[in-house]
Amino acid sequence: MNSVPTEAPEQTRETVGRWLEKKDRHRGEPLLPSRTNRGRPMTTRQYARLLASWLRAIGLDPLAYGTHSLRRTRASMIYRRTGNLRAVQLLLGHTKIESTVRYLGIDVDDALLTTEQVEI
């Protein structure tokens, strides 16, 4: 699984910090360990199953949401709020801006127009 570093909000960092203390997790250990080998991170498949169970628990259809759609949703929300295509590119770990444009499903001309409207 590829990972892209991301900045978590302060409230999230504090919550995760408390959870790590409660679970007696240490630096270098996986945040979300595998069920079968606590020293290894959970697999993408394990995470997808866990997400599906959370979605069912709150009454949502797991087929309508997934790990990847949530990643795309966050990127889309950031782009809509800021118009900053470069920031979204960095967030997603894309090397080419064209990949980000395609990923977001936006028209290249619209993306360029939005970025031109942001004054620096």
PDB file of N, CA and C in Angstrom:
ATOM      1  N   MET A   1       0.849  -1.166   0.000  1.00  0.00           N
ATOM      2  CA  MET A   1       0.000   0.000   0.000  1.00  0.00           C
ATOM      3  C   MET A   1       0.899   1.234   0.000  1.00  0.00           C
ATOM      4  N   ASN A   2       0.652   2.149  -0.915  1.00  0.00           N
ATOM      5  CA  ASN A   2       1.404   3.395  -0.950  1.00  0.00           C
ATOM      6  C   ASN A   2       0.852   4.336   0.095  1.00  0.00           C
ATOM      7  N   SER A   3       1.747   5.053   0.757  1.00  0.00           N
ATOM      8  CA  SER A   3       1.258   6.024   1.724  1.00  0.00           C
ATOM      9  C   SER A   3       1.809   7.390   1.361  1.00  0.00           C
ATOM     10  N   VAL A   4       0.990   8.385   1.604  1.00  0.00           N
ATOM     11  CA  VAL A   4       1.361   9.765   1.351  1.00  0.00           C
ATOM     12  C   VAL A   4       1.248  10.483   2.681  1.00  0.00           C
ATOM     13  N   PRO A   5       2.334  11.141   3.120  1.00  0.00           N
ATOM     14  CA  PRO A   5       2.246  11.868   4.390  1.00  0.00           C
ATOM     15  C   PRO A   5       1.147  12.922   4.319  1.00  0.00           C
ATOM     16  N   THR A   6       0.462  13.109   5.425  1.00  0.00           N
ATOM     17  CA  THR A   6      -0.575  14.126   5.486  1.00  0.00           C
ATOM     18  C   THR A   6      -0.557  14.760   6.862  1.00  0.00           C
ATOM     19  N   GLU A   7      -1.006  15.975   6.945  1.00  0.00           N
ATOM     20  CA  GLU A   7      -1.063  16.689   8.210  1.00  0.00           C
ATOM     21  C   GLU A   7      -2.438  16.487   8.816  1.00  0.00           C
ATOM     22  N   ALA A   8      -2.480  15.994  10.039  1.00  0.00           N
ATOM     23  CA  ALA A   8      -3.748  15.782  10.730  1.00  0.00           C
ATOM     24  C   ALA A   8      -4.058  17.007  11.584  1.00  0.00           C
ATOM     25  N   PRO A   9      -5.330  17.367  11.693  1.00  0.00           N
ATOM     26  CA  PRO A   9      -5.711  18.481  12.571  1.00  0.00           C
ATOM     27  C   PRO A   9      -5.305  18.200  14.015  1.00  0.00           C
ATOM     28  N   GLU A  10      -5.120  19.254  14.803  1.00  0.00           N
ATOM     29  CA  GLU A  10      -4.652  19.111  16.185  1.00  0.00           C
ATOM     30  C   GLU A  10      -5.555  18.192  17.007  1.00  0.00           C
ATOM     31  N   GLN A  11      -6.867  18.323  16.872  1.00  0.00           N
ATOM     32  CA  GLN A  11      -7.797  17.473  17.623  1.00  0.00           C
ATOM     33  C   GLN A  11      -7.585  15.996  17.281  1.00  0.00           C
ATOM     34  N   THR A  12      -7.337  15.712  16.012  1.00  0.00           N
ATOM     35  CA  THR A  12      -7.084  14.336  15.586  1.00  0.00           C
ATOM     36  C   THR A  12      -5.782  13.831  16.196  1.00  0.00           C
ATOM     37  N   ARG A  13      -4.732  14.659  16.151  1.00  0.00           N
ATOM     38  CA  ARG A  13      -3.443  14.257  16.737  1.00  0.00           C
ATOM     39  C   ARG A  13      -3.584  13.955  18.227  1.00  0.00           C
ATOM     40  N   GLU A  14      -4.339  14.792  18.938  1.00  0.00           N
ATOM     41  CA  GLU A  14      -4.531  14.577  20.375  1.00  0.00           C
ATOM     42  C   GLU A  14      -5.301  13.280  20.632  1.00  0.00           C
ATOM     43  N   THR A  15      -6.337  13.047  19.864  1.00  0.00           N
ATOM     44  CA  THR A  15      -7.146  11.841  20.030  1.00  0.00           C
ATOM     45  C   THR A  15      -6.318  10.592  19.745  1.00  0.00           C
ATOM     46  N   VAL A  16      -5.563  10.616  18.666  1.00  0.00           N
ATOM     47  CA  VAL A  16      -4.714   9.472  18.326  1.00  0.00           C
ATOM     48  C   VAL A  16      -3.646   9.276  19.399  1.00  0.00           C
ATOM     49  N   GLY A  17      -3.087  10.365  19.903  1.00  0.00           N
ATOM     50  CA  GLY A  17      -2.088  10.267  20.973  1.00  0.00           C
ATOM     51  C   GLY A  17      -2.645   9.584  22.214  1.00  0.00           C
ATOM     52  N   ARG A  18      -3.861   9.972  22.611  1.00  0.00           N
ATOM     53  CA  ARG A  18      -4.504   9.324  23.772  1.00  0.00           C
ATOM     54  C   ARG A  18      -4.765   7.847  23.501  1.00  0.00           C
ATOM     55  N   TRP A  19      -5.203   7.542  22.281  1.00  0.00           N
ATOM     56  CA  TRP A  19      -5.481   6.147  21.919  1.00  0.00           C
ATOM     57  C   TRP A  19      -4.196   5.319  21.962  1.00  0.00           C
ATOM     58  N   LEU A  20      -3.097   5.896  21.453  1.00  0.00           N
ATOM     59  CA  LEU A  20      -1.818   5.183  21.463  1.00  0.00           C
ATOM     60  C   LEU A  20      -1.361   4.902  22.895  1.00  0.00           C
ATOM     61  N   GLU A  21      -1.534   5.887  23.774  1.00  0.00           N
ATOM     62  CA  GLU A  21      -1.170   5.683  25.180  1.00  0.00           C
ATOM     63  C   GLU A  21      -2.015   4.577  25.798  1.00  0.00           C
ATOM     64  N   LYS A  22      -3.308   4.609  25.541  1.00  0.00           N
ATOM     65  CA  LYS A  22      -4.224   3.607  26.102  1.00  0.00           C
ATOM     66  C   LYS A  22      -3.877   2.208  25.594  1.00  0.00           C
ATOM     67  N   LYS A  23      -3.525   2.100  24.330  1.00  0.00           N
ATOM     68  CA  LYS A  23      -3.201   0.805  23.733  1.00  0.00           C
ATOM     69  C   LYS A  23      -1.738   0.422  23.957  1.00  0.00           C
ATOM     70  N   ASP A  24      -0.978   1.299  24.647  1.00  0.00           N
ATOM     71  CA  ASP A  24       0.448   1.071  24.918  1.00  0.00           C
ATOM     72  C   ASP A  24       1.238   0.826  23.636  1.00  0.00           C
ATOM     73  N   ARG A  25       0.948   1.637  22.609  1.00  0.00           N
ATOM     74  CA  ARG A  25       1.673   1.555  21.335  1.00  0.00           C
ATOM     75  C   ARG A  25       2.909   2.451  21.435  1.00  0.00           C
ATOM     76  N   HIS A  26       3.950   2.078  20.749  1.00  0.00           N
ATOM     77  CA  HIS A  26       5.210   2.822  20.810  1.00  0.00           C
ATOM     78  C   HIS A  26       5.624   3.285  19.420  1.00  0.00           C
ATOM     79  N   ARG A  27       6.512   4.271  19.402  1.00  0.00           N
ATOM     80  CA  ARG A  27       7.025   4.813  18.140  1.00  0.00           C
ATOM     81  C   ARG A  27       7.554   3.677  17.268  1.00  0.00           C
ATOM     82  N   GLY A  28       7.180   3.711  15.983  1.00  0.00           N
ATOM     83  CA  GLY A  28       7.635   2.697  15.047  1.00  0.00           C
ATOM     84  C   GLY A  28       6.675   1.527  14.904  1.00  0.00           C
ATOM     85  N   GLU A  29       5.763   1.381  15.862  1.00  0.00           N
ATOM     86  CA  GLU A  29       4.759   0.328  15.759  1.00  0.00           C
ATOM     87  C   GLU A  29       3.606   0.838  14.893  1.00  0.00           C
ATOM     88  N   PRO A  30       2.938  -0.057  14.196  1.00  0.00           N
ATOM     89  CA  PRO A  30       1.838   0.399  13.336  1.00  0.00           C
ATOM     90  C   PRO A  30       0.684   0.986  14.139  1.00  0.00           C
ATOM     91  N   LEU A  31       0.117   2.066  13.618  1.00  0.00           N
ATOM     92  CA  LEU A  31      -1.044   2.693  14.246  1.00  0.00           C
ATOM     93  C   LEU A  31      -2.237   1.743  14.220  1.00  0.00           C
ATOM     94  N   LEU A  32      -2.416   1.072  13.091  1.00  0.00           N
ATOM     95  CA  LEU A  32      -3.491   0.104  12.927  1.00  0.00           C
ATOM     96  C   LEU A  32      -2.858  -1.260  12.642  1.00  0.00           C
ATOM     97  N   PRO A  33      -2.590  -2.034  13.690  1.00  0.00           N
ATOM     98  CA  PRO A  33      -1.891  -3.312  13.496  1.00  0.00           C
ATOM     99  C   PRO A  33      -2.777  -4.388  12.877  1.00  0.00           C
ATOM    100  N   SER A  34      -2.123  -5.349  12.259  1.00  0.00           N
ATOM    101  CA  SER A  34      -2.800  -6.516  11.688  1.00  0.00           C
ATOM    102  C   SER A  34      -3.437  -7.343  12.804  1.00  0.00           C
ATOM    103  N   ARG A  35      -4.529  -8.010  12.488  1.00  0.00           N
ATOM    104  CA  ARG A  35      -5.169  -8.896  13.466  1.00  0.00           C
ATOM    105  C   ARG A  35      -4.289 -10.108  13.750  1.00  0.00           C
ATOM    106  N   THR A  36      -3.549 -10.545  12.744  1.00  0.00           N
ATOM    107  CA  THR A  36      -2.779 -11.786  12.870  1.00  0.00           C
ATOM    108  C   THR A  36      -1.331 -11.561  13.303  1.00  0.00           C
ATOM    109  N   ASN A  37      -0.786 -10.373  13.068  1.00  0.00           N
ATOM    110  CA  ASN A  37       0.602 -10.084  13.449  1.00  0.00           C
ATOM    111  C   ASN A  37       0.664  -8.638  13.928  1.00  0.00           C
ATOM    112  N   ARG A  38       0.612  -8.433  15.229  1.00  0.00           N
ATOM    113  CA  ARG A  38       0.518  -7.096  15.819  1.00  0.00           C
ATOM    114  C   ARG A  38       1.691  -6.186  15.457  1.00  0.00           C
ATOM    115  N   GLY A  39       2.797  -6.754  15.019  1.00  0.00           N
ATOM    116  CA  GLY A  39       3.955  -5.952  14.652  1.00  0.00           C
ATOM    117  C   GLY A  39       3.899  -5.420  13.228  1.00  0.00           C
ATOM    118  N   ARG A  40       2.906  -5.868  12.472  1.00  0.00           N
ATOM    119  CA  ARG A  40       2.757  -5.430  11.078  1.00  0.00           C
ATOM    120  C   ARG A  40       1.481  -4.614  10.947  1.00  0.00           C
ATOM    121  N   PRO A  41       1.445  -3.671  10.005  1.00  0.00           N
ATOM    122  CA  PRO A  41       0.214  -2.891   9.822  1.00  0.00           C
ATOM    123  C   PRO A  41      -0.899  -3.739   9.214  1.00  0.00           C
ATOM    124  N   MET A  42      -2.137  -3.335   9.473  1.00  0.00           N
ATOM    125  CA  MET A  42      -3.255  -4.062   8.865  1.00  0.00           C
ATOM    126  C   MET A  42      -3.187  -3.904   7.365  1.00  0.00           C
ATOM    127  N   THR A  43      -3.702  -4.873   6.675  1.00  0.00           N
ATOM    128  CA  THR A  43      -3.674  -4.843   5.214  1.00  0.00           C
ATOM    129  C   THR A  43      -4.779  -3.912   4.698  1.00  0.00           C
ATOM    130  N   THR A  44      -4.670  -3.559   3.446  1.00  0.00           N
ATOM    131  CA  THR A  44      -5.691  -2.742   2.806  1.00  0.00           C
ATOM    132  C   THR A  44      -7.035  -3.448   2.879  1.00  0.00           C
ATOM    133  N   ARG A  45      -7.026  -4.750   2.698  1.00  0.00           N
ATOM    134  CA  ARG A  45      -8.262  -5.529   2.732  1.00  0.00           C
ATOM    135  C   ARG A  45      -8.888  -5.528   4.127  1.00  0.00           C
ATOM    136  N   GLN A  46      -8.034  -5.668   5.160  1.00  0.00           N
ATOM    137  CA  GLN A  46      -8.542  -5.614   6.530  1.00  0.00           C
ATOM    138  C   GLN A  46      -9.187  -4.250   6.806  1.00  0.00           C
ATOM    139  N   TYR A  47      -8.516  -3.185   6.344  1.00  0.00           N
ATOM    140  CA  TYR A  47      -9.042  -1.839   6.553  1.00  0.00           C
ATOM    141  C   TYR A  47     -10.381  -1.672   5.830  1.00  0.00           C
ATOM    142  N   ALA A  48     -10.490  -2.191   4.613  1.00  0.00           N
ATOM    143  CA  ALA A  48     -11.738  -2.087   3.850  1.00  0.00           C
ATOM    144  C   ALA A  48     -12.872  -2.802   4.586  1.00  0.00           C
ATOM    145  N   ARG A  49     -12.590  -3.970   5.164  1.00  0.00           N
ATOM    146  CA  ARG A  49     -13.613  -4.702   5.926  1.00  0.00           C
ATOM    147  C   ARG A  49     -14.038  -3.917   7.164  1.00  0.00           C
ATOM    148  N   LEU A  50     -13.065  -3.331   7.847  1.00  0.00           N
ATOM    149  CA  LEU A  50     -13.349  -2.543   9.040  1.00  0.00           C
ATOM    150  C   LEU A  50     -14.210  -1.331   8.679  1.00  0.00           C
ATOM    151  N   LEU A  51     -13.849  -0.635   7.613  1.00  0.00           N
ATOM    152  CA  LEU A  51     -14.629   0.517   7.161  1.00  0.00           C
ATOM    153  C   LEU A  51     -16.060   0.092   6.816  1.00  0.00           C
ATOM    154  N   ALA A  52     -16.205  -1.022   6.129  1.00  0.00           N
ATOM    155  CA  ALA A  52     -17.540  -1.518   5.770  1.00  0.00           C
ATOM    156  C   ALA A  52     -18.374  -1.788   7.023  1.00  0.00           C
ATOM    157  N   SER A  53     -17.754  -2.343   8.060  1.00  0.00           N
ATOM    158  CA  SER A  53     -18.506  -2.621   9.296  1.00  0.00           C
ATOM    159  C   SER A  53     -18.913  -1.311   9.975  1.00  0.00           C
ATOM    160  N   TRP A  54     -18.042  -0.296   9.953  1.00  0.00           N
ATOM    161  CA  TRP A  54     -18.393   1.005  10.528  1.00  0.00           C
ATOM    162  C   TRP A  54     -19.554   1.632   9.754  1.00  0.00           C
ATOM    163  N   LEU A  55     -19.499   1.542   8.431  1.00  0.00           N
ATOM    164  CA  LEU A  55     -20.563   2.119   7.604  1.00  0.00           C
ATOM    165  C   LEU A  55     -21.901   1.435   7.879  1.00  0.00           C
ATOM    166  N   ARG A  56     -21.885   0.111   7.957  1.00  0.00           N
ATOM    167  CA  ARG A  56     -23.120  -0.627   8.277  1.00  0.00           C
ATOM    168  C   ARG A  56     -23.653  -0.215   9.653  1.00  0.00           C
ATOM    169  N   ALA A  57     -22.744  -0.027  10.615  1.00  0.00           N
ATOM    170  CA  ALA A  57     -23.136   0.316  11.986  1.00  0.00           C
ATOM    171  C   ALA A  57     -23.854   1.663  12.061  1.00  0.00           C
ATOM    172  N   ILE A  58     -23.531   2.584  11.151  1.00  0.00           N
ATOM    173  CA  ILE A  58     -24.198   3.888  11.170  1.00  0.00           C
ATOM    174  C   ILE A  58     -25.281   3.989  10.095  1.00  0.00           C
ATOM    175  N   GLY A  59     -25.621   2.840   9.512  1.00  0.00           N
ATOM    176  CA  GLY A  59     -26.741   2.795   8.587  1.00  0.00           C
ATOM    177  C   GLY A  59     -26.444   3.219   7.158  1.00  0.00           C
ATOM    178  N   LEU A  60     -25.178   3.228   6.772  1.00  0.00           N
ATOM    179  CA  LEU A  60     -24.817   3.568   5.391  1.00  0.00           C
ATOM    180  C   LEU A  60     -24.500   2.309   4.602  1.00  0.00           C
ATOM    181  N   ASP A  61     -24.675   2.385   3.320  1.00  0.00           N
ATOM    182  CA  ASP A  61     -24.411   1.257   2.433  1.00  0.00           C
ATOM    183  C   ASP A  61     -22.911   1.179   2.143  1.00  0.00           C
ATOM    184  N   PRO A  62     -22.251   0.110   2.580  1.00  0.00           N
ATOM    185  CA  PRO A  62     -20.806  -0.025   2.338  1.00  0.00           C
ATOM    186  C   PRO A  62     -20.440  -0.040   0.849  1.00  0.00           C
ATOM    187  N   LEU A  63     -21.391  -0.397  -0.009  1.00  0.00           N
ATOM    188  CA  LEU A  63     -21.108  -0.405  -1.445  1.00  0.00           C
ATOM    189  C   LEU A  63     -21.031   1.018  -2.021  1.00  0.00           C
ATOM    190  N   ALA A  64     -21.594   1.977  -1.294  1.00  0.00           N
ATOM    191  CA  ALA A  64     -21.585   3.369  -1.770  1.00  0.00           C
ATOM    192  C   ALA A  64     -20.344   4.121  -1.326  1.00  0.00           C
ATOM    193  N   TYR A  65     -19.586   3.566  -0.378  1.00  0.00           N
ATOM    194  CA  TYR A  65     -18.401   4.229   0.161  1.00  0.00           C
ATOM    195  C   TYR A  65     -17.262   3.223   0.196  1.00  0.00           C
ATOM    196  N   GLY A  66     -16.062   3.743   0.163  1.00  0.00           N
ATOM    197  CA  GLY A  66     -14.899   2.874   0.263  1.00  0.00           C
ATOM    198  C   GLY A  66     -13.687   3.697   0.638  1.00  0.00           C
ATOM    199  N   THR A  67     -12.600   3.022   0.887  1.00  0.00           N
ATOM    200  CA  THR A  67     -11.391   3.728   1.297  1.00  0.00           C
ATOM    201  C   THR A  67     -10.949   4.718   0.224  1.00  0.00           C
ATOM    202  N   HIS A  68     -11.053   4.304  -1.024  1.00  0.00           N
ATOM    203  CA  HIS A  68     -10.598   5.184  -2.097  1.00  0.00           C
ATOM    204  C   HIS A  68     -11.568   6.345  -2.320  1.00  0.00           C
ATOM    205  N   SER A  69     -12.854   6.093  -2.238  1.00  0.00           N
ATOM    206  CA  SER A  69     -13.818   7.179  -2.442  1.00  0.00           C
ATOM    207  C   SER A  69     -13.694   8.220  -1.332  1.00  0.00           C
ATOM    208  N   LEU A  70     -13.357   7.795  -0.113  1.00  0.00           N
ATOM    209  CA  LEU A  70     -13.162   8.757   0.964  1.00  0.00           C
ATOM    210  C   LEU A  70     -11.919   9.604   0.713  1.00  0.00           C
ATOM    211  N   ARG A  71     -10.873   9.008   0.176  1.00  0.00           N
ATOM    212  CA  ARG A  71      -9.661   9.755  -0.168  1.00  0.00           C
ATOM    213  C   ARG A  71      -9.990  10.801  -1.237  1.00  0.00           C
ATOM    214  N   ARG A  72     -10.737  10.391  -2.235  1.00  0.00           N
ATOM    215  CA  ARG A  72     -11.119  11.303  -3.317  1.00  0.00           C
ATOM    216  C   ARG A  72     -12.019  12.418  -2.788  1.00  0.00           C
ATOM    217  N   THR A  73     -12.931  12.075  -1.882  1.00  0.00           N
ATOM    218  CA  THR A  73     -13.831  13.071  -1.315  1.00  0.00           C
ATOM    219  C   THR A  73     -13.048  14.159  -0.594  1.00  0.00           C
ATOM    220  N   ARG A  74     -12.079  13.768   0.206  1.00  0.00           N
ATOM    221  CA  ARG A  74     -11.278  14.759   0.939  1.00  0.00           C
ATOM    222  C   ARG A  74     -10.551  15.670  -0.039  1.00  0.00           C
ATOM    223  N   ALA A  75      -9.930  15.088  -1.049  1.00  0.00           N
ATOM    224  CA  ALA A  75      -9.202  15.884  -2.036  1.00  0.00           C
ATOM    225  C   ALA A  75     -10.152  16.836  -2.762  1.00  0.00           C
ATOM    226  N   SER A  76     -11.326  16.363  -3.120  1.00  0.00           N
ATOM    227  CA  SER A  76     -12.308  17.204  -3.819  1.00  0.00           C
ATOM    228  C   SER A  76     -12.773  18.356  -2.941  1.00  0.00           C
ATOM    229  N   MET A  77     -12.990  18.079  -1.657  1.00  0.00           N
ATOM    230  CA  MET A  77     -13.435  19.127  -0.744  1.00  0.00           C
ATOM    231  C   MET A  77     -12.364  20.205  -0.585  1.00  0.00           C
ATOM    232  N   ILE A  78     -11.124  19.788  -0.480  1.00  0.00           N
ATOM    233  CA  ILE A  78     -10.033  20.761  -0.353  1.00  0.00           C
ATOM    234  C   ILE A  78      -9.934  21.607  -1.606  1.00  0.00           C
ATOM    235  N   TYR A  79     -10.053  20.977  -2.768  1.00  0.00           N
ATOM    236  CA  TYR A  79      -9.984  21.728  -4.024  1.00  0.00           C
ATOM    237  C   TYR A  79     -11.140  22.721  -4.135  1.00  0.00           C
ATOM    238  N   ARG A  80     -12.356  22.279  -3.812  1.00  0.00           N
ATOM    239  CA  ARG A  80     -13.523  23.171  -3.905  1.00  0.00           C
ATOM    240  C   ARG A  80     -13.400  24.359  -2.960  1.00  0.00           C
ATOM    241  N   ARG A  81     -12.880  24.131  -1.756  1.00  0.00           N
ATOM    242  CA  ARG A  81     -12.784  25.210  -0.764  1.00  0.00           C
ATOM    243  C   ARG A  81     -11.645  26.180  -1.058  1.00  0.00           C
ATOM    244  N   THR A  82     -10.560  25.662  -1.627  1.00  0.00           N
ATOM    245  CA  THR A  82      -9.378  26.517  -1.803  1.00  0.00           C
ATOM    246  C   THR A  82      -9.075  26.865  -3.248  1.00  0.00           C
ATOM    247  N   GLY A  83      -9.470  26.007  -4.180  1.00  0.00           N
ATOM    248  CA  GLY A  83      -9.086  26.196  -5.577  1.00  0.00           C
ATOM    249  C   GLY A  83      -7.605  25.939  -5.800  1.00  0.00           C
ATOM    250  N   ASN A  84      -6.931  25.392  -4.784  1.00  0.00           N
ATOM    251  CA  ASN A  84      -5.484  25.190  -4.844  1.00  0.00           C
ATOM    252  C   ASN A  84      -5.173  23.781  -5.362  1.00  0.00           C
ATOM    253  N   LEU A  85      -5.021  23.702  -6.661  1.00  0.00           N
ATOM    254  CA  LEU A  85      -4.759  22.426  -7.315  1.00  0.00           C
ATOM    255  C   LEU A  85      -3.406  21.850  -6.899  1.00  0.00           C
ATOM    256  N   ARG A  86      -2.427  22.709  -6.713  1.00  0.00           N
ATOM    257  CA  ARG A  86      -1.081  22.269  -6.320  1.00  0.00           C
ATOM    258  C   ARG A  86      -1.106  21.623  -4.925  1.00  0.00           C
ATOM    259  N   ALA A  87      -1.861  22.204  -4.007  1.00  0.00           N
ATOM    260  CA  ALA A  87      -1.959  21.629  -2.664  1.00  0.00           C
ATOM    261  C   ALA A  87      -2.581  20.241  -2.726  1.00  0.00           C
ATOM    262  N   VAL A  88      -3.615  20.080  -3.542  1.00  0.00           N
ATOM    263  CA  VAL A  88      -4.263  18.777  -3.684  1.00  0.00           C
ATOM    264  C   VAL A  88      -3.297  17.787  -4.325  1.00  0.00           C
ATOM    265  N   GLN A  89      -2.530  18.250  -5.299  1.00  0.00           N
ATOM    266  CA  GLN A  89      -1.531  17.393  -5.936  1.00  0.00           C
ATOM    267  C   GLN A  89      -0.550  16.860  -4.885  1.00  0.00           C
ATOM    268  N   LEU A  90      -0.063  17.736  -4.031  1.00  0.00           N
ATOM    269  CA  LEU A  90       0.880  17.327  -2.983  1.00  0.00           C
ATOM    270  C   LEU A  90       0.216  16.381  -1.990  1.00  0.00           C
ATOM    271  N   LEU A  91      -1.015  16.682  -1.606  1.00  0.00           N
ATOM    272  CA  LEU A  91      -1.758  15.833  -0.677  1.00  0.00           C
ATOM    273  C   LEU A  91      -1.891  14.417  -1.214  1.00  0.00           C
ATOM    274  N   LEU A  92      -2.177  14.305  -2.505  1.00  0.00           N
ATOM    275  CA  LEU A  92      -2.384  12.995  -3.113  1.00  0.00           C
ATOM    276  C   LEU A  92      -1.087  12.293  -3.491  1.00  0.00           C
ATOM    277  N   GLY A  93       0.011  13.034  -3.516  1.00  0.00           N
ATOM    278  CA  GLY A  93       1.288  12.430  -3.889  1.00  0.00           C
ATOM    279  C   GLY A  93       1.447  12.233  -5.381  1.00  0.00           C
ATOM    280  N   HIS A  94       0.696  13.004  -6.169  1.00  0.00           N
ATOM    281  CA  HIS A  94       0.805  12.902  -7.623  1.00  0.00           C
ATOM    282  C   HIS A  94       2.034  13.655  -8.118  1.00  0.00           C
ATOM    283  N   THR A  95       2.742  13.094  -9.084  1.00  0.00           N
ATOM    284  CA  THR A  95       3.905  13.777  -9.644  1.00  0.00           C
ATOM    285  C   THR A  95       3.505  14.746 -10.755  1.00  0.00           C
ATOM    286  N   LYS A  96       2.391  14.479 -11.409  1.00  0.00           N
ATOM    287  CA  LYS A  96       1.945  15.340 -12.509  1.00  0.00           C
ATOM    288  C   LYS A  96       0.622  15.994 -12.159  1.00  0.00           C
ATOM    289  N   ILE A  97       0.521  17.287 -12.403  1.00  0.00           N
ATOM    290  CA  ILE A  97      -0.710  18.022 -12.123  1.00  0.00           C
ATOM    291  C   ILE A  97      -1.868  17.481 -12.963  1.00  0.00           C
ATOM    292  N   GLU A  98      -1.543  16.981 -14.154  1.00  0.00           N
ATOM    293  CA  GLU A  98      -2.578  16.411 -15.025  1.00  0.00           C
ATOM    294  C   GLU A  98      -3.255  15.207 -14.358  1.00  0.00           C
ATOM    295  N   SER A  99      -2.485  14.430 -13.605  1.00  0.00           N
ATOM    296  CA  SER A  99      -3.049  13.285 -12.892  1.00  0.00           C
ATOM    297  C   SER A  99      -4.054  13.751 -11.849  1.00  0.00           C
ATOM    298  N   THR A 100      -3.726  14.833 -11.174  1.00  0.00           N
ATOM    299  CA  THR A 100      -4.621  15.384 -10.153  1.00  0.00           C
ATOM    300  C   THR A 100      -5.906  15.896 -10.782  1.00  0.00           C
ATOM    301  N   VAL A 101      -5.780  16.583 -11.900  1.00  0.00           N
ATOM    302  CA  VAL A 101      -6.948  17.098 -12.613  1.00  0.00           C
ATOM    303  C   VAL A 101      -7.853  15.935 -13.022  1.00  0.00           C
ATOM    304  N   ARG A 102      -7.272  14.899 -13.574  1.00  0.00           N
ATOM    305  CA  ARG A 102      -8.030  13.720 -13.998  1.00  0.00           C
ATOM    306  C   ARG A 102      -8.674  13.035 -12.785  1.00  0.00           C
ATOM    307  N   TYR A 103      -7.916  12.910 -11.709  1.00  0.00           N
ATOM    308  CA  TYR A 103      -8.384  12.255 -10.484  1.00  0.00           C
ATOM    309  C   TYR A 103      -9.606  12.972  -9.910  1.00  0.00           C
ATOM    310  N   LEU A 104      -9.561  14.298  -9.927  1.00  0.00           N
ATOM    311  CA  LEU A 104     -10.668  15.088  -9.391  1.00  0.00           C
ATOM    312  C   LEU A 104     -11.853  15.141 -10.341  1.00  0.00           C
ATOM    313  N   GLY A 105     -11.614  14.776 -11.594  1.00  0.00           N
ATOM    314  CA  GLY A 105     -12.685  14.806 -12.581  1.00  0.00           C
ATOM    315  C   GLY A 105     -13.072  16.212 -12.980  1.00  0.00           C
ATOM    316  N   ILE A 106     -12.081  17.102 -12.966  1.00  0.00           N
ATOM    317  CA  ILE A 106     -12.366  18.478 -13.359  1.00  0.00           C
ATOM    318  C   ILE A 106     -11.774  18.745 -14.729  1.00  0.00           C
ATOM    319  N   ASP A 107     -12.333  19.703 -15.404  1.00  0.00           N
ATOM    320  CA  ASP A 107     -11.854  20.098 -16.713  1.00  0.00           C
ATOM    321  C   ASP A 107     -10.568  20.900 -16.546  1.00  0.00           C
ATOM    322  N   VAL A 108      -9.590  20.672 -17.387  1.00  0.00           N
ATOM    323  CA  VAL A 108      -8.303  21.375 -17.297  1.00  0.00           C
ATOM    324  C   VAL A 108      -8.507  22.880 -17.373  1.00  0.00           C
ATOM    325  N   ASP A 109      -9.371  23.348 -18.292  1.00  0.00           N
ATOM    326  CA  ASP A 109      -9.612  24.788 -18.421  1.00  0.00           C
ATOM    327  C   ASP A 109     -10.207  25.365 -17.137  1.00  0.00           C
ATOM    328  N   ASP A 110     -11.140  24.622 -16.511  1.00  0.00           N
ATOM    329  CA  ASP A 110     -11.726  25.079 -15.246  1.00  0.00           C
ATOM    330  C   ASP A 110     -10.664  25.158 -14.155  1.00  0.00           C
ATOM    331  N   ALA A 111      -9.790  24.173 -14.113  1.00  0.00           N
ATOM    332  CA  ALA A 111      -8.729  24.163 -13.101  1.00  0.00           C
ATOM    333  C   ALA A 111      -7.806  25.356 -13.292  1.00  0.00           C
ATOM    334  N   LEU A 112      -7.423  25.610 -14.527  1.00  0.00           N
ATOM    335  CA  LEU A 112      -6.527  26.746 -14.795  1.00  0.00           C
ATOM    336  C   LEU A 112      -7.210  28.063 -14.474  1.00  0.00           C
ATOM    337  N   LEU A 113      -8.482  28.194 -14.819  1.00  0.00           N
ATOM    338  CA  LEU A 113      -9.224  29.411 -14.527  1.00  0.00           C
ATOM    339  C   LEU A 113      -9.296  29.637 -13.017  1.00  0.00           C
ATOM    340  N   THR A 114      -9.553  28.595 -12.265  1.00  0.00           N
ATOM    341  CA  THR A 114      -9.629  28.710 -10.808  1.00  0.00           C
ATOM    342  C   THR A 114      -8.302  29.153 -10.224  1.00  0.00           C
ATOM    343  N   THR A 115      -7.220  28.554 -10.676  1.00  0.00           N
ATOM    344  CA  THR A 115      -5.915  28.932 -10.131  1.00  0.00           C
ATOM    345  C   THR A 115      -5.522  30.331 -10.554  1.00  0.00           C
ATOM    346  N   GLU A 116      -5.942  30.786 -11.708  1.00  0.00           N
ATOM    347  CA  GLU A 116      -5.624  32.144 -12.139  1.00  0.00           C
ATOM    348  C   GLU A 116      -6.384  33.175 -11.321  1.00  0.00           C
ATOM    349  N   GLN A 117      -7.513  32.793 -10.750  1.00  0.00           N
ATOM    350  CA  GLN A 117      -8.322  33.726  -9.951  1.00  0.00           C
ATOM    351  C   GLN A 117      -7.753  33.937  -8.565  1.00  0.00           C
ATOM    352  N   VAL A 118      -6.853  33.067  -8.139  1.00  0.00           N
ATOM    353  CA  VAL A 118      -6.240  33.203  -6.826  1.00  0.00           C
ATOM    354  C   VAL A 118      -5.057  34.151  -6.947  1.00  0.00           C
ATOM    355  N   GLU A 119      -5.151  35.271  -6.239  1.00  0.00           N
ATOM    356  CA  GLU A 119      -4.078  36.260  -6.315  1.00  0.00           C
ATOM    357  C   GLU A 119      -2.970  35.924  -5.329  1.00  0.00           C
ATOM    358  N   ILE A 120      -1.750  36.126  -5.781  1.00  0.00           N
ATOM    359  CA  ILE A 120      -0.577  35.871  -4.927  1.00  0.00           C
ATOM    360  C   ILE A 120       0.212  37.157  -4.820  1.00  0.00           C
TER     361      ILE A 120
END
